[in-house]
C-alpha atoms as a PDB file:
ATOM      1  CA  UNK A   1      -2.757 -10.227   9.691  1.00  0.00           C
ATOM      2  CA  UNK A   2      -2.971  -6.509  10.502  1.00  0.00           C
ATOM      3  CA  UNK A   3      -6.661  -7.081  11.145  1.00  0.00           C
ATOM      4  CA  UNK A   4      -5.670  -8.869  14.357  1.00  0.00           C
ATOM      5  CA  UNK A   5      -3.936  -5.830  15.888  1.00  0.00           C
ATOM      6  CA  UNK A   6      -7.106  -4.104  17.146  1.00  0.00           C
ATOM      7  CA  UNK A   7      -8.371  -7.410  18.605  1.00  0.00           C
ATOM      8  CA  UNK A   8      -5.169  -7.936  20.560  1.00  0.00           C
ATOM      9  CA  UNK A   9      -4.965  -4.288  21.615  1.00  0.00           C
ATOM     10  CA  UNK A  10      -8.421  -4.483  23.169  1.00  0.00           C
ATOM     11  CA  UNK A  11      -8.069  -7.941  24.711  1.00  0.00           C
ATOM     12  CA  UNK A  12      -4.430  -7.957  25.840  1.00  0.00           C
ATOM     13  CA  UNK A  13      -3.783  -7.599  29.540  1.00  0.00           C
ATOM     14  CA  UNK A  14      -1.657  -4.624  30.540  1.00  0.00           C
ATOM     15  CA  UNK A  15       1.196  -6.937  31.541  1.00  0.00           C
ATOM     16  CA  UNK A  16       1.545  -8.477  28.066  1.00  0.00           C
ATOM     17  CA  UNK A  17       4.971  -7.410  26.813  1.00  0.00           C
ATOM     18  CA  UNK A  18       5.931  -6.600  23.239  1.00  0.00           C
ATOM     19  CA  UNK A  19       7.708  -9.969  22.962  1.00  0.00           C
ATOM     20  CA  UNK A  20       4.569 -11.735  24.189  1.00  0.00           C
ATOM     21  CA  UNK A  21       2.445  -9.871  21.657  1.00  0.00           C
ATOM     22  CA  UNK A  22       4.867 -10.719  18.844  1.00  0.00           C
ATOM     23  CA  UNK A  23       4.830 -14.383  19.828  1.00  0.00           C
ATOM     24  CA  UNK A  24       1.013 -14.316  19.945  1.00  0.00           C
ATOM     25  CA  UNK A  25       0.850 -12.771  16.441  1.00  0.00           C
ATOM     26  CA  UNK A  26       3.179 -15.447  15.046  1.00  0.00           C
ATOM     27  CA  UNK A  27       1.104 -18.243  16.588  1.00  0.00           C
ATOM     28  CA  UNK A  28      -2.172 -16.656  15.408  1.00  0.00           C
ATOM     29  CA  UNK A  29      -0.774 -16.273  11.887  1.00  0.00           C
ATOM     30  CA  UNK A  30      -0.065 -19.997  11.786  1.00  0.00           C
ATOM     31  CA  UNK A  31      -3.577 -20.921  12.880  1.00  0.00           C
ATOM     32  CA  UNK A  32      -5.294 -18.432  10.577  1.00  0.00           C
ATOM     33  CA  UNK A  33      -3.180 -18.931   7.443  1.00  0.00           C
ATOM     34  CA  UNK A  34      -5.991 -20.785   5.623  1.00  0.00           C
ATOM     35  CA  UNK A  35      -8.522 -17.994   6.133  1.00  0.00           C
ATOM     36  CA  UNK A  36      -8.765 -15.639   3.106  1.00  0.00           C
ATOM     37  CA  UNK A  37      -7.599 -12.107   3.909  1.00  0.00           C
ATOM     38  CA  UNK A  38     -10.992 -10.486   3.317  1.00  0.00           C
ATOM     39  CA  UNK A  39     -12.782 -13.016   5.499  1.00  0.00           C
ATOM     40  CA  UNK A  40     -10.100 -12.641   8.193  1.00  0.00           C
ATOM     41  CA  UNK A  41     -10.608  -8.876   8.241  1.00  0.00           C
ATOM     42  CA  UNK A  42     -14.374  -9.315   8.463  1.00  0.00           C
ATOM     43  CA  UNK A  43     -14.034 -11.926  11.233  1.00  0.00           C
ATOM     44  CA  UNK A  44     -11.577  -9.786  13.202  1.00  0.00           C
ATOM     45  CA  UNK A  45     -13.952  -6.830  13.078  1.00  0.00           C
ATOM     46  CA  UNK A  46     -16.772  -9.027  14.359  1.00  0.00           C
ATOM     47  CA  UNK A  47     -14.681 -10.657  17.104  1.00  0.00           C
ATOM     48  CA  UNK A  48     -15.307  -9.204  20.537  1.00  0.00           C
ATOM     49  CA  UNK A  49     -13.093 -10.941  23.086  1.00  0.00           C
ATOM     50  CA  UNK A  50     -11.951 -10.219  26.616  1.00  0.00           C
ATOM     51  CA  UNK A  51      -8.763 -12.309  26.462  1.00  0.00           C
ATOM     52  CA  UNK A  52      -6.161 -13.039  23.748  1.00  0.00           C
ATOM     53  CA  UNK A  53      -6.747 -16.792  24.083  1.00  0.00           C
ATOM     54  CA  UNK A  54     -10.310 -16.319  22.798  1.00  0.00           C
ATOM     55  CA  UNK A  55      -9.473 -14.301  19.670  1.00  0.00           C
ATOM     56  CA  UNK A  56      -8.286 -17.095  17.344  1.00  0.00           C
ATOM     57  CA  UNK A  57     -11.118 -19.527  18.220  1.00  0.00           C
ATOM     58  CA  UNK A  58     -13.674 -16.738  17.745  1.00  0.00           C
ATOM     59  CA  UNK A  59     -12.240 -15.820  14.342  1.00  0.00           C
ATOM     60  CA  UNK A  60     -12.062 -19.462  13.251  1.00  0.00           C
ATOM     61  CA  UNK A  61     -15.691 -19.996  14.290  1.00  0.00           C
ATOM     62  CA  UNK A  62     -16.790 -16.888  12.377  1.00  0.00           C
ATOM     63  CA  UNK A  63     -14.799 -17.970   9.316  1.00  0.00           C
ATOM     64  CA  UNK A  64     -16.293 -21.473   9.456  1.00  0.00           C
ATOM     65  CA  UNK A  65     -19.839 -20.157   9.787  1.00  0.00           C
ATOM     66  CA  UNK A  66     -19.536 -17.426   7.137  1.00  0.00           C
ATOM     67  CA  UNK A  67     -17.035 -18.789   4.610  1.00  0.00           C
ATOM     68  CA  UNK A  68     -19.606 -20.003   2.102  1.00  0.00           C
ATOM     69  CA  UNK A  69     -21.453 -16.680   2.118  1.00  0.00           C
ATOM     70  CA  UNK A  70     -18.172 -14.770   1.893  1.00  0.00           C
ATOM     71  CA  UNK A  71     -16.955 -16.878  -1.044  1.00  0.00           C
ATOM     72  CA  UNK A  72     -20.279 -16.357  -2.809  1.00  0.00           C
ATOM     73  CA  UNK A  73     -20.071 -12.579  -2.334  1.00  0.00           C
ATOM     74  CA  UNK A  74     -16.478 -12.561  -3.608  1.00  0.00           C
ATOM     75  CA  UNK A  75     -16.880 -15.022  -6.486  1.00  0.00           C
ATOM     76  CA  UNK A  76     -15.383 -14.083  -9.842  1.00  0.00           C
ATOM     77  CA  UNK A  77     -17.779 -12.432 -12.224  1.00  0.00           C
ATOM     78  CA  UNK A  78     -18.737 -14.537 -15.245  1.00  0.00           C
ATOM     79  CA  UNK A  79     -20.088 -13.401 -18.593  1.00  0.00           C
ATOM     80  CA  UNK A  80     -19.229  -9.830 -17.759  1.00  0.00           C
ATOM     81  CA  UNK A  81     -17.878  -7.823 -20.667  1.00  0.00           C
ATOM     82  CA  UNK A  82     -14.260  -6.907 -20.173  1.00  0.00           C
ATOM     83  CA  UNK A  83     -13.048  -3.381 -20.656  1.00  0.00           C
ATOM     84  CA  UNK A  84     -10.151  -3.072 -23.040  1.00  0.00           C
ATOM     85  CA  UNK A  85      -7.336  -0.721 -22.157  1.00  0.00           C
ATOM     86  CA  UNK A  86      -6.203   1.265 -25.163  1.00  0.00           C
ATOM     87  CA  UNK A  87      -2.637   2.461 -24.938  1.00  0.00           C
ATOM     88  CA  UNK A  88      -1.629   5.732 -26.512  1.00  0.00           C
ATOM     89  CA  UNK A  89       1.001   5.089 -29.170  1.00  0.00           C
ATOM     90  CA  UNK A  90       3.027   8.158 -28.227  1.00  0.00           C
ATOM     91  CA  UNK A  91       3.677   8.576 -24.525  1.00  0.00           C
ATOM     92  CA  UNK A  92       2.831  11.991 -23.199  1.00  0.00           C
ATOM     93  CA  UNK A  93       5.699  14.204 -22.123  1.00  0.00           C
ATOM     94  CA  UNK A  94       5.951  14.397 -18.357  1.00  0.00           C
ATOM     95  CA  UNK A  95       4.666  17.643 -16.955  1.00  0.00           C
ATOM     96  CA  UNK A  96       7.005  19.867 -15.047  1.00  0.00           C
ATOM     97  CA  UNK A  97       6.084  20.054 -11.351  1.00  0.00           C
ATOM     98  CA  UNK A  98       5.358  23.598 -10.125  1.00  0.00           C
ATOM     99  CA  UNK A  99       8.441  23.606  -7.898  1.00  0.00           C
ATOM    100  CA  UNK A 100      10.666  23.085 -10.953  1.00  0.00           C
ATOM    101  CA  UNK A 101       9.103  25.793 -13.134  1.00  0.00           C
ATOM    102  CA  UNK A 102      10.879  29.093 -13.856  1.00  0.00           C
ATOM    103  CA  UNK A 103      14.287  27.864 -12.712  1.00  0.00           C
ATOM    104  CA  UNK A 104      17.345  30.081 -12.865  1.00  0.00           C
ATOM    105  CA  UNK A 105      20.870  28.839 -13.514  1.00  0.00           C
ATOM    106  CA  UNK A 106      21.715  29.451  -9.843  1.00  0.00           C
ATOM    107  CA  UNK A 107      18.858  27.102  -8.853  1.00  0.00           C
ATOM    108  CA  UNK A 108      20.174  24.392 -11.174  1.00  0.00           C
ATOM    109  CA  UNK A 109      23.729  24.790  -9.842  1.00  0.00           C
ATOM    110  CA  UNK A 110      22.540  24.257  -6.244  1.00  0.00           C
ATOM    111  CA  UNK A 111      20.516  21.080  -7.005  1.00  0.00           C
ATOM    112  CA  UNK A 112      21.539  17.729  -5.563  1.00  0.00           C
ATOM    113  CA  UNK A 113      22.258  14.926  -8.030  1.00  0.00           C
ATOM    114  CA  UNK A 114      18.900  13.282  -7.242  1.00  0.00           C
ATOM    115  CA  UNK A 115      16.972  16.508  -7.785  1.00  0.00           C
ATOM    116  CA  UNK A 116      18.883  17.190 -11.009  1.00  0.00           C
ATOM    117  CA  UNK A 117      17.986  13.697 -12.281  1.00  0.00           C
ATOM    118  CA  UNK A 118      14.293  14.383 -11.583  1.00  0.00           C
ATOM    119  CA  UNK A 119      14.492  17.774 -13.283  1.00  0.00           C
ATOM    120  CA  UNK A 120      16.184  16.197 -16.323  1.00  0.00           C
ATOM    121  CA  UNK A 121      13.548  13.463 -16.500  1.00  0.00           C
ATOM    122  CA  UNK A 122      10.589  15.844 -16.534  1.00  0.00           C
ATOM    123  CA  UNK A 123      12.258  18.330 -18.873  1.00  0.00           C
ATOM    124  CA  UNK A 124      12.706  21.215 -16.448  1.00  0.00           C
ATOM    125  CA  UNK A 125      16.470  21.040 -17.005  1.00  0.00           C
ATOM    126  CA  UNK A 126      18.490  20.095 -20.090  1.00  0.00           C
ATOM    127  CA  UNK A 127      21.991  18.668 -20.235  1.00  0.00           C
ATOM    128  CA  UNK A 128      24.439  20.623 -22.362  1.00  0.00           C
ATOM    129  CA  UNK A 129      27.098  19.095 -24.620  1.00  0.00           C
ATOM    130  CA  UNK A 130      29.780  19.773 -22.005  1.00  0.00           C
ATOM    131  CA  UNK A 131      27.845  17.803 -19.337  1.00  0.00           C
ATOM    132  CA  UNK A 132      26.553  20.792 -17.406  1.00  0.00           C
ATOM    133  CA  UNK A 133      22.859  21.429 -16.905  1.00  0.00           C
ATOM    134  CA  UNK A 134      20.820  24.518 -17.543  1.00  0.00           C
ATOM    135  CA  UNK A 135      17.137  25.475 -17.211  1.00  0.00           C
ATOM    136  CA  UNK A 136      14.904  24.324 -20.028  1.00  0.00           C
ATOM    137  CA  UNK A 137      13.084  26.712 -22.340  1.00  0.00           C
ATOM    138  CA  UNK A 138      10.197  24.241 -22.544  1.00  0.00           C
ATOM    139  CA  UNK A 139       6.919  25.738 -21.348  1.00  0.00           C
ATOM    140  CA  UNK A 140       5.376  24.200 -18.249  1.00  0.00           C
END
């Protein structure tokens, strides 16, 4: 439905309030709900209207006239070999972001809980047996 925003922006009279525009969008969404998203975007780009009342009929006419062609262009591929995704058995260790490299203990002590959790997750910081955290010796 975002495809309709430029149409309404161009065609809306200056006195059309935000509430009026919202109501128009809700009504347009109801009328255009059967139009596939890709075809709606294409129709909205092709629609040139001078008044909001003409936008939906113009889009519906475009969709009616071009739906068969659009569906043909967007048909599922048949007899196309599928690519297989091979998963690595051992997940790679997360890399340490540059901002978390070469940390000092003072840097770790000043971290917020969220930042400390991120640093622990990527290995920039390790948790000691007593629950405190310290910089990791792991190379970046």
